[in-house]
Amino acid sequence: MLKEDRLLEELLMEEERLQFESFSNETALQIGLAIVHKAMAERQSITVDIRRGRHQLFHYACPGTSADNDDWVLRKARVVERFQHSSYYMEVELRASGRTIAERYFLDPSEYAPYNGAFPIQVRKAGVIGVIAVSGLSGDLDHRLIVSVLQELLGAEAPDGDRAGAANVSGGT
């Protein structure tokens, strides 16, 4: 199996595993603060943005970030909204196809950034309702930061762990 195929499978498994029973504004706050605290503890400068649909529920820019990071989180979030998968999944899918987002989907790359760092907020029995996006780290670290916080808050571990599943992080929908 190709390296990209295996990674795509792993990313799909993450999306399946990291789902919510319900999602509220308070849930967004809890996730956003956890991401910020983790980044700051590791002395990382990031911008984090959490949206339900077009409604921005959380946004924070650490010292050392710029308006460019705000643009990146929006462009990555558009990819999740359009394709209902993480922006990292779409990055790998496009790399495997050997095409750009403009070539394959006729989308403007100044509006859509198919690079790691935006993750779908999925509610069981409802589907994708929003996006968590991070910008500021290199490689796949934006994606890993989001996933690590969601794993902690949802009680879901990596495939080789003992626990998996969804949790109600806080009340609401």
N, C-alpha and C. Protein backbone atom coordinates (compact mmCIF):
# COMPACT_ATOMS: atom_id res chain seq x y z
N MET A 1 0.85 -1.19 0.00
CA MET A 1 0.00 0.00 0.00
C MET A 1 0.89 1.25 0.00
N LEU A 2 0.53 2.24 -0.73
CA LEU A 2 1.30 3.47 -0.80
C LEU A 2 1.26 4.19 0.54
N LYS A 3 2.32 4.94 0.79
CA LYS A 3 2.42 5.72 2.03
C LYS A 3 1.22 6.66 2.18
N GLU A 4 0.84 7.34 1.10
CA GLU A 4 -0.29 8.26 1.16
C GLU A 4 -1.60 7.54 1.46
N ASP A 5 -1.78 6.35 0.88
CA ASP A 5 -3.01 5.58 1.14
C ASP A 5 -3.14 5.23 2.62
N ARG A 6 -2.04 4.81 3.20
CA ARG A 6 -2.07 4.45 4.62
C ARG A 6 -2.35 5.69 5.48
N LEU A 7 -1.71 6.80 5.16
CA LEU A 7 -1.93 8.03 5.92
C LEU A 7 -3.38 8.50 5.77
N LEU A 8 -3.93 8.41 4.57
CA LEU A 8 -5.33 8.78 4.37
C LEU A 8 -6.26 7.93 5.23
N GLU A 9 -5.98 6.64 5.32
CA GLU A 9 -6.79 5.76 6.18
C GLU A 9 -6.69 6.18 7.64
N GLU A 10 -5.48 6.50 8.09
CA GLU A 10 -5.27 6.93 9.48
C GLU A 10 -6.02 8.23 9.76
N LEU A 11 -5.98 9.15 8.81
CA LEU A 11 -6.67 10.43 9.00
C LEU A 11 -8.18 10.24 9.05
N LEU A 12 -8.71 9.36 8.22
CA LEU A 12 -10.14 9.05 8.27
C LEU A 12 -10.52 8.42 9.61
N MET A 13 -9.66 7.56 10.12
CA MET A 13 -9.93 6.93 11.43
C MET A 13 -9.94 7.98 12.54
N GLU A 14 -9.05 8.97 12.46
CA GLU A 14 -9.06 10.06 13.44
C GLU A 14 -10.38 10.80 13.40
N GLU A 15 -10.84 11.12 12.19
CA GLU A 15 -12.10 11.85 12.06
C GLU A 15 -13.26 11.04 12.63
N GLU A 16 -13.24 9.74 12.44
CA GLU A 16 -14.30 8.89 12.98
C GLU A 16 -14.23 8.82 14.50
N ARG A 17 -13.04 8.72 15.02
CA ARG A 17 -12.83 8.56 16.46
C ARG A 17 -13.10 9.85 17.24
N LEU A 18 -12.76 10.99 16.66
CA LEU A 18 -12.82 12.26 17.38
C LEU A 18 -14.11 13.01 17.07
N GLN A 19 -15.22 12.43 17.48
CA GLN A 19 -16.54 13.03 17.28
C GLN A 19 -17.18 13.33 18.63
N PHE A 20 -18.10 14.26 18.61
CA PHE A 20 -18.80 14.70 19.81
C PHE A 20 -20.21 14.14 19.85
N GLU A 21 -20.71 13.95 21.05
CA GLU A 21 -22.13 13.63 21.23
C GLU A 21 -22.95 14.92 21.12
N SER A 22 -22.37 16.02 21.60
CA SER A 22 -22.99 17.34 21.47
C SER A 22 -21.88 18.37 21.46
N PHE A 23 -22.19 19.58 21.01
CA PHE A 23 -21.18 20.63 20.90
C PHE A 23 -21.84 21.97 21.18
N SER A 24 -21.30 22.71 22.14
CA SER A 24 -21.85 24.01 22.53
C SER A 24 -20.78 25.09 22.44
N ASN A 25 -21.19 26.32 22.68
CA ASN A 25 -20.22 27.42 22.74
C ASN A 25 -19.20 27.16 23.83
N GLU A 26 -19.65 26.59 24.95
CA GLU A 26 -18.75 26.27 26.05
C GLU A 26 -17.74 25.20 25.65
N THR A 27 -18.18 24.26 24.82
CA THR A 27 -17.27 23.23 24.31
C THR A 27 -16.16 23.90 23.49
N ALA A 28 -16.54 24.84 22.64
CA ALA A 28 -15.56 25.56 21.82
C ALA A 28 -14.57 26.31 22.71
N LEU A 29 -15.07 26.94 23.75
CA LEU A 29 -14.20 27.66 24.68
C LEU A 29 -13.22 26.70 25.35
N GLN A 30 -13.72 25.58 25.83
CA GLN A 30 -12.88 24.58 26.49
C GLN A 30 -11.78 24.08 25.55
N ILE A 31 -12.14 23.76 24.32
CA ILE A 31 -11.17 23.27 23.35
C ILE A 31 -10.16 24.37 23.01
N GLY A 32 -10.67 25.56 22.73
CA GLY A 32 -9.78 26.66 22.37
C GLY A 32 -8.77 26.96 23.45
N LEU A 33 -9.23 27.04 24.69
CA LEU A 33 -8.31 27.31 25.80
C LEU A 33 -7.30 26.18 25.98
N ALA A 34 -7.74 24.94 25.81
CA ALA A 34 -6.82 23.81 25.94
C ALA A 34 -5.73 23.87 24.86
N ILE A 35 -6.11 24.22 23.64
CA ILE A 35 -5.13 24.35 22.55
C ILE A 35 -4.15 25.47 22.86
N VAL A 36 -4.66 26.62 23.29
CA VAL A 36 -3.79 27.76 23.60
C VAL A 36 -2.85 27.41 24.75
N HIS A 37 -3.37 26.83 25.82
CA HIS A 37 -2.52 26.49 26.97
C HIS A 37 -1.43 25.49 26.59
N LYS A 38 -1.79 24.50 25.79
CA LYS A 38 -0.80 23.50 25.36
C LYS A 38 0.29 24.16 24.51
N ALA A 39 -0.11 25.01 23.58
CA ALA A 39 0.86 25.69 22.72
C ALA A 39 1.78 26.60 23.55
N MET A 40 1.19 27.35 24.47
CA MET A 40 2.00 28.26 25.28
C MET A 40 2.95 27.48 26.20
N ALA A 41 2.50 26.36 26.73
CA ALA A 41 3.37 25.54 27.59
C ALA A 41 4.57 25.03 26.80
N GLU A 42 4.39 24.84 25.51
CA GLU A 42 5.48 24.36 24.64
C GLU A 42 6.17 25.52 23.92
N ARG A 43 5.84 26.75 24.34
CA ARG A 43 6.43 27.98 23.77
C ARG A 43 6.24 28.06 22.25
N GLN A 44 5.02 27.75 21.83
CA GLN A 44 4.68 27.82 20.41
C GLN A 44 3.75 29.01 20.17
N SER A 45 3.99 29.71 19.08
CA SER A 45 3.13 30.83 18.69
C SER A 45 2.14 30.35 17.64
N ILE A 46 0.87 30.36 18.01
CA ILE A 46 -0.18 29.89 17.09
C ILE A 46 -1.35 30.86 17.09
N THR A 47 -2.16 30.73 16.08
CA THR A 47 -3.50 31.32 16.05
C THR A 47 -4.47 30.16 15.99
N VAL A 48 -5.52 30.22 16.81
CA VAL A 48 -6.54 29.17 16.80
C VAL A 48 -7.89 29.81 16.56
N ASP A 49 -8.71 29.15 15.76
CA ASP A 49 -10.04 29.65 15.42
C ASP A 49 -11.01 28.47 15.43
N ILE A 50 -12.14 28.65 16.11
CA ILE A 50 -13.15 27.61 16.17
C ILE A 50 -14.48 28.20 15.74
N ARG A 51 -15.12 27.54 14.77
CA ARG A 51 -16.38 28.02 14.20
C ARG A 51 -17.41 26.91 14.15
N ARG A 52 -18.65 27.30 14.36
CA ARG A 52 -19.80 26.42 14.08
C ARG A 52 -20.51 27.10 12.92
N GLY A 53 -20.42 26.46 11.74
CA GLY A 53 -20.92 27.13 10.54
C GLY A 53 -20.11 28.41 10.33
N ARG A 54 -20.80 29.50 10.11
CA ARG A 54 -20.13 30.78 9.90
C ARG A 54 -19.96 31.57 11.20
N HIS A 55 -20.40 31.00 12.32
CA HIS A 55 -20.35 31.67 13.61
C HIS A 55 -19.02 31.38 14.31
N GLN A 56 -18.20 32.42 14.48
CA GLN A 56 -16.93 32.26 15.17
C GLN A 56 -17.19 32.16 16.67
N LEU A 57 -16.80 31.04 17.28
CA LEU A 57 -17.03 30.80 18.70
C LEU A 57 -15.80 31.07 19.55
N PHE A 58 -14.61 30.95 18.95
CA PHE A 58 -13.36 31.16 19.68
C PHE A 58 -12.29 31.59 18.69
N HIS A 59 -11.49 32.57 19.10
CA HIS A 59 -10.35 33.00 18.30
C HIS A 59 -9.30 33.57 19.24
N TYR A 60 -8.06 33.12 19.07
CA TYR A 60 -6.97 33.67 19.87
C TYR A 60 -5.70 33.61 19.04
N ALA A 61 -4.92 34.68 19.13
CA ALA A 61 -3.63 34.76 18.47
C ALA A 61 -2.55 34.96 19.53
N CYS A 62 -1.66 33.99 19.65
CA CYS A 62 -0.57 34.08 20.62
C CYS A 62 0.40 35.18 20.21
N PRO A 63 1.15 35.72 21.16
CA PRO A 63 2.22 36.64 20.80
C PRO A 63 3.16 35.96 19.80
N GLY A 64 3.59 36.73 18.80
CA GLY A 64 4.48 36.18 17.79
C GLY A 64 3.76 35.78 16.50
N THR A 65 2.42 35.87 16.50
CA THR A 65 1.67 35.58 15.28
C THR A 65 1.34 36.90 14.58
N SER A 66 0.75 36.79 13.40
CA SER A 66 0.41 37.99 12.64
C SER A 66 -0.93 37.79 11.95
N ALA A 67 -1.36 38.81 11.23
CA ALA A 67 -2.60 38.71 10.46
C ALA A 67 -2.50 37.61 9.40
N ASP A 68 -1.30 37.27 8.98
CA ASP A 68 -1.13 36.16 8.04
C ASP A 68 -1.69 34.86 8.62
N ASN A 69 -1.48 34.64 9.92
CA ASN A 69 -2.02 33.43 10.56
C ASN A 69 -3.54 33.44 10.55
N ASP A 70 -4.15 34.62 10.72
CA ASP A 70 -5.61 34.72 10.62
C ASP A 70 -6.09 34.29 9.23
N ASP A 71 -5.36 34.73 8.20
CA ASP A 71 -5.71 34.33 6.84
C ASP A 71 -5.56 32.82 6.65
N TRP A 72 -4.49 32.25 7.18
CA TRP A 72 -4.27 30.81 7.04
C TRP A 72 -5.39 30.00 7.70
N VAL A 73 -5.82 30.38 8.92
CA VAL A 73 -6.88 29.58 9.56
C VAL A 73 -8.17 29.65 8.76
N LEU A 74 -8.47 30.80 8.18
CA LEU A 74 -9.68 30.92 7.35
C LEU A 74 -9.59 30.07 6.09
N ARG A 75 -8.44 30.11 5.43
CA ARG A 75 -8.27 29.36 4.19
C ARG A 75 -8.28 27.85 4.44
N LYS A 76 -7.69 27.42 5.55
CA LYS A 76 -7.73 25.99 5.91
C LYS A 76 -9.15 25.58 6.28
N ALA A 77 -9.85 26.44 7.03
CA ALA A 77 -11.22 26.13 7.44
C ALA A 77 -12.14 25.98 6.23
N ARG A 78 -11.93 26.79 5.21
CA ARG A 78 -12.76 26.66 4.00
C ARG A 78 -12.62 25.28 3.36
N VAL A 79 -11.43 24.71 3.44
CA VAL A 79 -11.21 23.37 2.89
C VAL A 79 -12.06 22.35 3.64
N VAL A 80 -12.07 22.43 4.97
CA VAL A 80 -12.89 21.51 5.77
C VAL A 80 -14.36 21.70 5.46
N GLU A 81 -14.80 22.95 5.39
CA GLU A 81 -16.21 23.23 5.10
C GLU A 81 -16.61 22.67 3.73
N ARG A 82 -15.73 22.78 2.76
CA ARG A 82 -16.03 22.34 1.39
C ARG A 82 -16.04 20.81 1.25
N PHE A 83 -15.04 20.16 1.87
CA PHE A 83 -14.84 18.73 1.64
C PHE A 83 -15.25 17.84 2.81
N GLN A 84 -15.57 18.43 3.96
CA GLN A 84 -16.01 17.68 5.14
C GLN A 84 -14.94 16.72 5.66
N HIS A 85 -13.69 17.04 5.40
CA HIS A 85 -12.54 16.28 5.91
C HIS A 85 -11.51 17.28 6.41
N SER A 86 -10.56 16.78 7.21
CA SER A 86 -9.50 17.67 7.69
C SER A 86 -8.71 18.22 6.50
N SER A 87 -8.15 19.39 6.71
CA SER A 87 -7.33 19.98 5.65
C SER A 87 -6.08 19.13 5.41
N TYR A 88 -5.62 18.43 6.43
CA TYR A 88 -4.48 17.53 6.27
C TYR A 88 -4.86 16.35 5.35
N TYR A 89 -6.05 15.81 5.54
CA TYR A 89 -6.53 14.75 4.66
C TYR A 89 -6.50 15.24 3.21
N MET A 90 -7.00 16.44 2.98
CA MET A 90 -7.05 16.97 1.62
C MET A 90 -5.65 17.25 1.08
N GLU A 91 -4.73 17.68 1.95
CA GLU A 91 -3.34 17.88 1.53
C GLU A 91 -2.75 16.57 1.01
N VAL A 92 -2.95 15.50 1.77
CA VAL A 92 -2.40 14.19 1.39
C VAL A 92 -3.10 13.66 0.14
N GLU A 93 -4.41 13.83 0.07
CA GLU A 93 -5.18 13.36 -1.10
C GLU A 93 -4.70 14.07 -2.37
N LEU A 94 -4.47 15.35 -2.28
CA LEU A 94 -3.99 16.10 -3.45
C LEU A 94 -2.57 15.69 -3.81
N ARG A 95 -1.73 15.52 -2.79
CA ARG A 95 -0.35 15.09 -3.04
C ARG A 95 -0.35 13.73 -3.75
N ALA A 96 -1.20 12.82 -3.30
CA ALA A 96 -1.28 11.49 -3.92
C ALA A 96 -1.75 11.58 -5.38
N SER A 97 -2.61 12.55 -5.67
CA SER A 97 -3.12 12.70 -7.03
C SER A 97 -2.14 13.43 -7.94
N GLY A 98 -1.14 14.08 -7.33
CA GLY A 98 -0.17 14.84 -8.12
C GLY A 98 -0.73 16.13 -8.68
N ARG A 99 -1.84 16.61 -8.08
CA ARG A 99 -2.48 17.82 -8.59
C ARG A 99 -2.68 18.82 -7.46
N THR A 100 -2.86 20.07 -7.84
CA THR A 100 -3.15 21.13 -6.88
C THR A 100 -4.66 21.25 -6.69
N ILE A 101 -5.05 22.02 -5.70
CA ILE A 101 -6.49 22.23 -5.47
C ILE A 101 -7.12 22.96 -6.66
N ALA A 102 -6.34 23.82 -7.30
CA ALA A 102 -6.84 24.53 -8.48
C ALA A 102 -7.02 23.57 -9.66
N GLU A 103 -6.07 22.68 -9.84
CA GLU A 103 -6.14 21.73 -10.96
C GLU A 103 -7.24 20.69 -10.76
N ARG A 104 -7.37 20.19 -9.56
CA ARG A 104 -8.30 19.09 -9.33
C ARG A 104 -9.73 19.55 -9.08
N TYR A 105 -9.88 20.66 -8.34
CA TYR A 105 -11.23 21.09 -7.94
C TYR A 105 -11.60 22.49 -8.44
N PHE A 106 -10.72 23.12 -9.20
CA PHE A 106 -10.97 24.44 -9.77
C PHE A 106 -11.24 25.48 -8.68
N LEU A 107 -10.53 25.35 -7.55
CA LEU A 107 -10.67 26.30 -6.44
C LEU A 107 -9.45 27.20 -6.36
N ASP A 108 -9.68 28.45 -6.01
CA ASP A 108 -8.63 29.45 -5.91
C ASP A 108 -7.77 29.19 -4.67
N PRO A 109 -6.47 28.93 -4.83
CA PRO A 109 -5.62 28.66 -3.68
C PRO A 109 -5.44 29.86 -2.74
N SER A 110 -5.80 31.05 -3.21
CA SER A 110 -5.75 32.20 -2.29
C SER A 110 -6.96 32.19 -1.35
N GLU A 111 -7.96 31.35 -1.64
CA GLU A 111 -9.14 31.21 -0.79
C GLU A 111 -9.18 29.88 -0.04
N TYR A 112 -8.54 28.86 -0.59
CA TYR A 112 -8.56 27.51 -0.03
C TYR A 112 -7.12 27.02 0.17
N ALA A 113 -6.78 26.68 1.41
CA ALA A 113 -5.43 26.20 1.73
C ALA A 113 -5.48 24.74 2.16
N PRO A 114 -5.22 23.81 1.26
CA PRO A 114 -5.27 22.40 1.60
C PRO A 114 -3.98 21.93 2.27
N TYR A 115 -3.74 22.47 3.46
CA TYR A 115 -2.56 22.11 4.24
C TYR A 115 -3.01 21.80 5.66
N ASN A 116 -2.26 20.99 6.36
CA ASN A 116 -2.66 20.54 7.68
C ASN A 116 -2.97 21.71 8.61
N GLY A 117 -3.93 21.48 9.52
CA GLY A 117 -4.21 22.50 10.53
C GLY A 117 -5.66 22.86 10.71
N ALA A 118 -6.58 22.25 9.98
CA ALA A 118 -8.01 22.47 10.22
C ALA A 118 -8.68 21.11 10.32
N PHE A 119 -9.52 20.96 11.34
CA PHE A 119 -10.12 19.67 11.65
C PHE A 119 -11.63 19.83 11.79
N PRO A 120 -12.40 18.90 11.22
CA PRO A 120 -13.86 19.02 11.30
C PRO A 120 -14.39 18.76 12.70
N ILE A 121 -15.35 19.58 13.12
CA ILE A 121 -16.11 19.31 14.34
C ILE A 121 -17.30 18.48 13.90
N GLN A 122 -17.30 17.21 14.31
CA GLN A 122 -18.38 16.30 13.93
C GLN A 122 -19.18 15.92 15.16
N VAL A 123 -20.48 16.02 15.04
CA VAL A 123 -21.39 15.57 16.09
C VAL A 123 -22.05 14.30 15.58
N ARG A 124 -22.01 13.27 16.40
CA ARG A 124 -22.62 11.99 16.02
C ARG A 124 -24.08 12.21 15.64
N LYS A 125 -24.51 11.57 14.58
CA LYS A 125 -25.87 11.63 14.05
C LYS A 125 -26.22 13.00 13.46
N ALA A 126 -25.25 13.91 13.38
CA ALA A 126 -25.49 15.22 12.78
C ALA A 126 -24.48 15.53 11.68
N GLY A 127 -23.27 15.00 11.77
CA GLY A 127 -22.24 15.27 10.78
C GLY A 127 -21.37 16.45 11.15
N VAL A 128 -20.71 17.00 10.15
CA VAL A 128 -19.79 18.12 10.36
C VAL A 128 -20.59 19.39 10.60
N ILE A 129 -20.34 20.02 11.74
CA ILE A 129 -21.06 21.25 12.09
C ILE A 129 -20.13 22.45 12.19
N GLY A 130 -18.82 22.22 12.14
CA GLY A 130 -17.89 23.33 12.30
C GLY A 130 -16.46 22.90 12.07
N VAL A 131 -15.54 23.81 12.45
CA VAL A 131 -14.11 23.61 12.18
C VAL A 131 -13.28 24.16 13.33
N ILE A 132 -12.22 23.43 13.66
CA ILE A 132 -11.16 23.92 14.54
C ILE A 132 -9.95 24.11 13.64
N ALA A 133 -9.36 25.31 13.64
CA ALA A 133 -8.21 25.57 12.77
C ALA A 133 -7.08 26.20 13.58
N VAL A 134 -5.86 25.78 13.26
CA VAL A 134 -4.64 26.28 13.91
C VAL A 134 -3.65 26.64 12.82
N SER A 135 -2.91 27.73 13.04
CA SER A 135 -1.83 28.13 12.14
C SER A 135 -0.65 28.60 12.98
N GLY A 136 0.55 28.29 12.50
CA GLY A 136 1.75 28.82 13.13
C GLY A 136 2.88 27.82 13.30
N LEU A 137 2.58 26.53 13.19
CA LEU A 137 3.59 25.51 13.41
C LEU A 137 4.02 24.90 12.08
N SER A 138 5.16 24.24 12.08
CA SER A 138 5.67 23.67 10.84
C SER A 138 5.26 22.21 10.69
N GLY A 139 5.48 21.69 9.48
CA GLY A 139 5.15 20.30 9.20
C GLY A 139 3.69 20.00 9.48
N ASP A 140 3.44 18.87 10.13
CA ASP A 140 2.06 18.50 10.45
C ASP A 140 1.69 18.85 11.89
N LEU A 141 2.44 19.75 12.51
CA LEU A 141 2.25 20.04 13.93
C LEU A 141 0.96 20.79 14.25
N ASP A 142 0.45 21.60 13.33
CA ASP A 142 -0.86 22.25 13.56
C ASP A 142 -1.92 21.17 13.74
N HIS A 143 -1.93 20.20 12.85
CA HIS A 143 -2.89 19.09 12.91
C HIS A 143 -2.70 18.29 14.20
N ARG A 144 -1.47 17.95 14.50
CA ARG A 144 -1.18 17.13 15.69
C ARG A 144 -1.62 17.83 16.97
N LEU A 145 -1.46 19.14 17.03
CA LEU A 145 -1.88 19.89 18.22
C LEU A 145 -3.39 19.76 18.42
N ILE A 146 -4.16 19.96 17.37
CA ILE A 146 -5.62 19.84 17.47
C ILE A 146 -6.00 18.42 17.89
N VAL A 147 -5.45 17.44 17.23
CA VAL A 147 -5.80 16.04 17.51
C VAL A 147 -5.43 15.65 18.93
N SER A 148 -4.27 16.09 19.41
CA SER A 148 -3.86 15.72 20.77
C SER A 148 -4.81 16.30 21.81
N VAL A 149 -5.26 17.53 21.61
CA VAL A 149 -6.21 18.14 22.55
C VAL A 149 -7.56 17.43 22.48
N LEU A 150 -8.03 17.14 21.28
CA LEU A 150 -9.31 16.43 21.15
C LEU A 150 -9.24 15.04 21.78
N GLN A 151 -8.12 14.35 21.60
CA GLN A 151 -7.97 13.03 22.22
C GLN A 151 -8.07 13.13 23.74
N GLU A 152 -7.43 14.14 24.31
CA GLU A 152 -7.47 14.33 25.76
C GLU A 152 -8.89 14.65 26.23
N LEU A 153 -9.56 15.57 25.54
CA LEU A 153 -10.88 16.01 25.98
C LEU A 153 -11.97 14.97 25.72
N LEU A 154 -11.83 14.23 24.63
CA LEU A 154 -12.86 13.24 24.30
C LEU A 154 -12.58 11.87 24.90
N GLY A 155 -11.40 11.71 25.46
CA GLY A 155 -11.07 10.41 26.02
C GLY A 155 -10.81 9.37 24.95
N ALA A 156 -10.43 9.81 23.76
CA ALA A 156 -10.15 8.90 22.65
C ALA A 156 -8.64 8.83 22.48
N GLU A 157 -8.12 7.63 22.35
CA GLU A 157 -6.69 7.46 22.17
C GLU A 157 -6.39 7.06 20.74
N ALA A 158 -5.12 7.09 20.44
CA ALA A 158 -4.66 6.63 19.13
C ALA A 158 -5.06 5.17 18.94
N PRO A 159 -5.08 4.68 17.71
CA PRO A 159 -5.56 3.33 17.43
C PRO A 159 -4.91 2.24 18.30
N ASP A 160 -3.68 2.44 18.76
CA ASP A 160 -3.05 1.41 19.57
C ASP A 160 -3.37 1.57 21.05
N GLY A 161 -4.20 2.56 21.41
CA GLY A 161 -4.59 2.77 22.81
C GLY A 161 -5.77 1.91 23.20
N ASP A 162 -6.14 2.01 24.46
CA ASP A 162 -7.23 1.18 24.98
C ASP A 162 -8.60 1.81 24.78
N ARG A 163 -8.68 3.13 24.85
CA ARG A 163 -9.98 3.79 24.81
C ARG A 163 -10.24 4.37 23.43
N ALA A 164 -11.51 4.44 23.07
CA ALA A 164 -11.93 5.11 21.84
C ALA A 164 -13.38 5.46 21.98
N GLY A 165 -13.80 6.45 21.22
CA GLY A 165 -15.21 6.80 21.23
C GLY A 165 -15.42 8.28 21.38
N ALA A 166 -16.66 8.65 21.55
CA ALA A 166 -17.03 10.05 21.66
C ALA A 166 -17.48 10.33 23.07
N ALA A 167 -17.44 11.59 23.41
CA ALA A 167 -17.88 12.00 24.74
C ALA A 167 -18.63 13.31 24.63
N ASN A 168 -19.41 13.59 25.63
CA ASN A 168 -20.10 14.86 25.73
C ASN A 168 -19.21 15.76 26.56
N VAL A 169 -18.37 16.58 25.89
CA VAL A 169 -17.41 17.41 26.59
C VAL A 169 -18.11 18.43 27.45
N SER A 170 -19.17 19.02 26.95
CA SER A 170 -20.01 19.89 27.77
C SER A 170 -21.39 19.90 27.15
N GLY A 171 -22.35 20.36 27.89
CA GLY A 171 -23.74 20.28 27.43
C GLY A 171 -24.01 21.11 26.19
N GLY A 172 -25.15 20.88 25.59
CA GLY A 172 -25.57 21.66 24.43
C GLY A 172 -25.41 20.89 23.15
N THR A 173 -25.79 21.55 22.05
CA THR A 173 -25.65 20.93 20.73
C THR A 173 -24.95 21.85 19.78
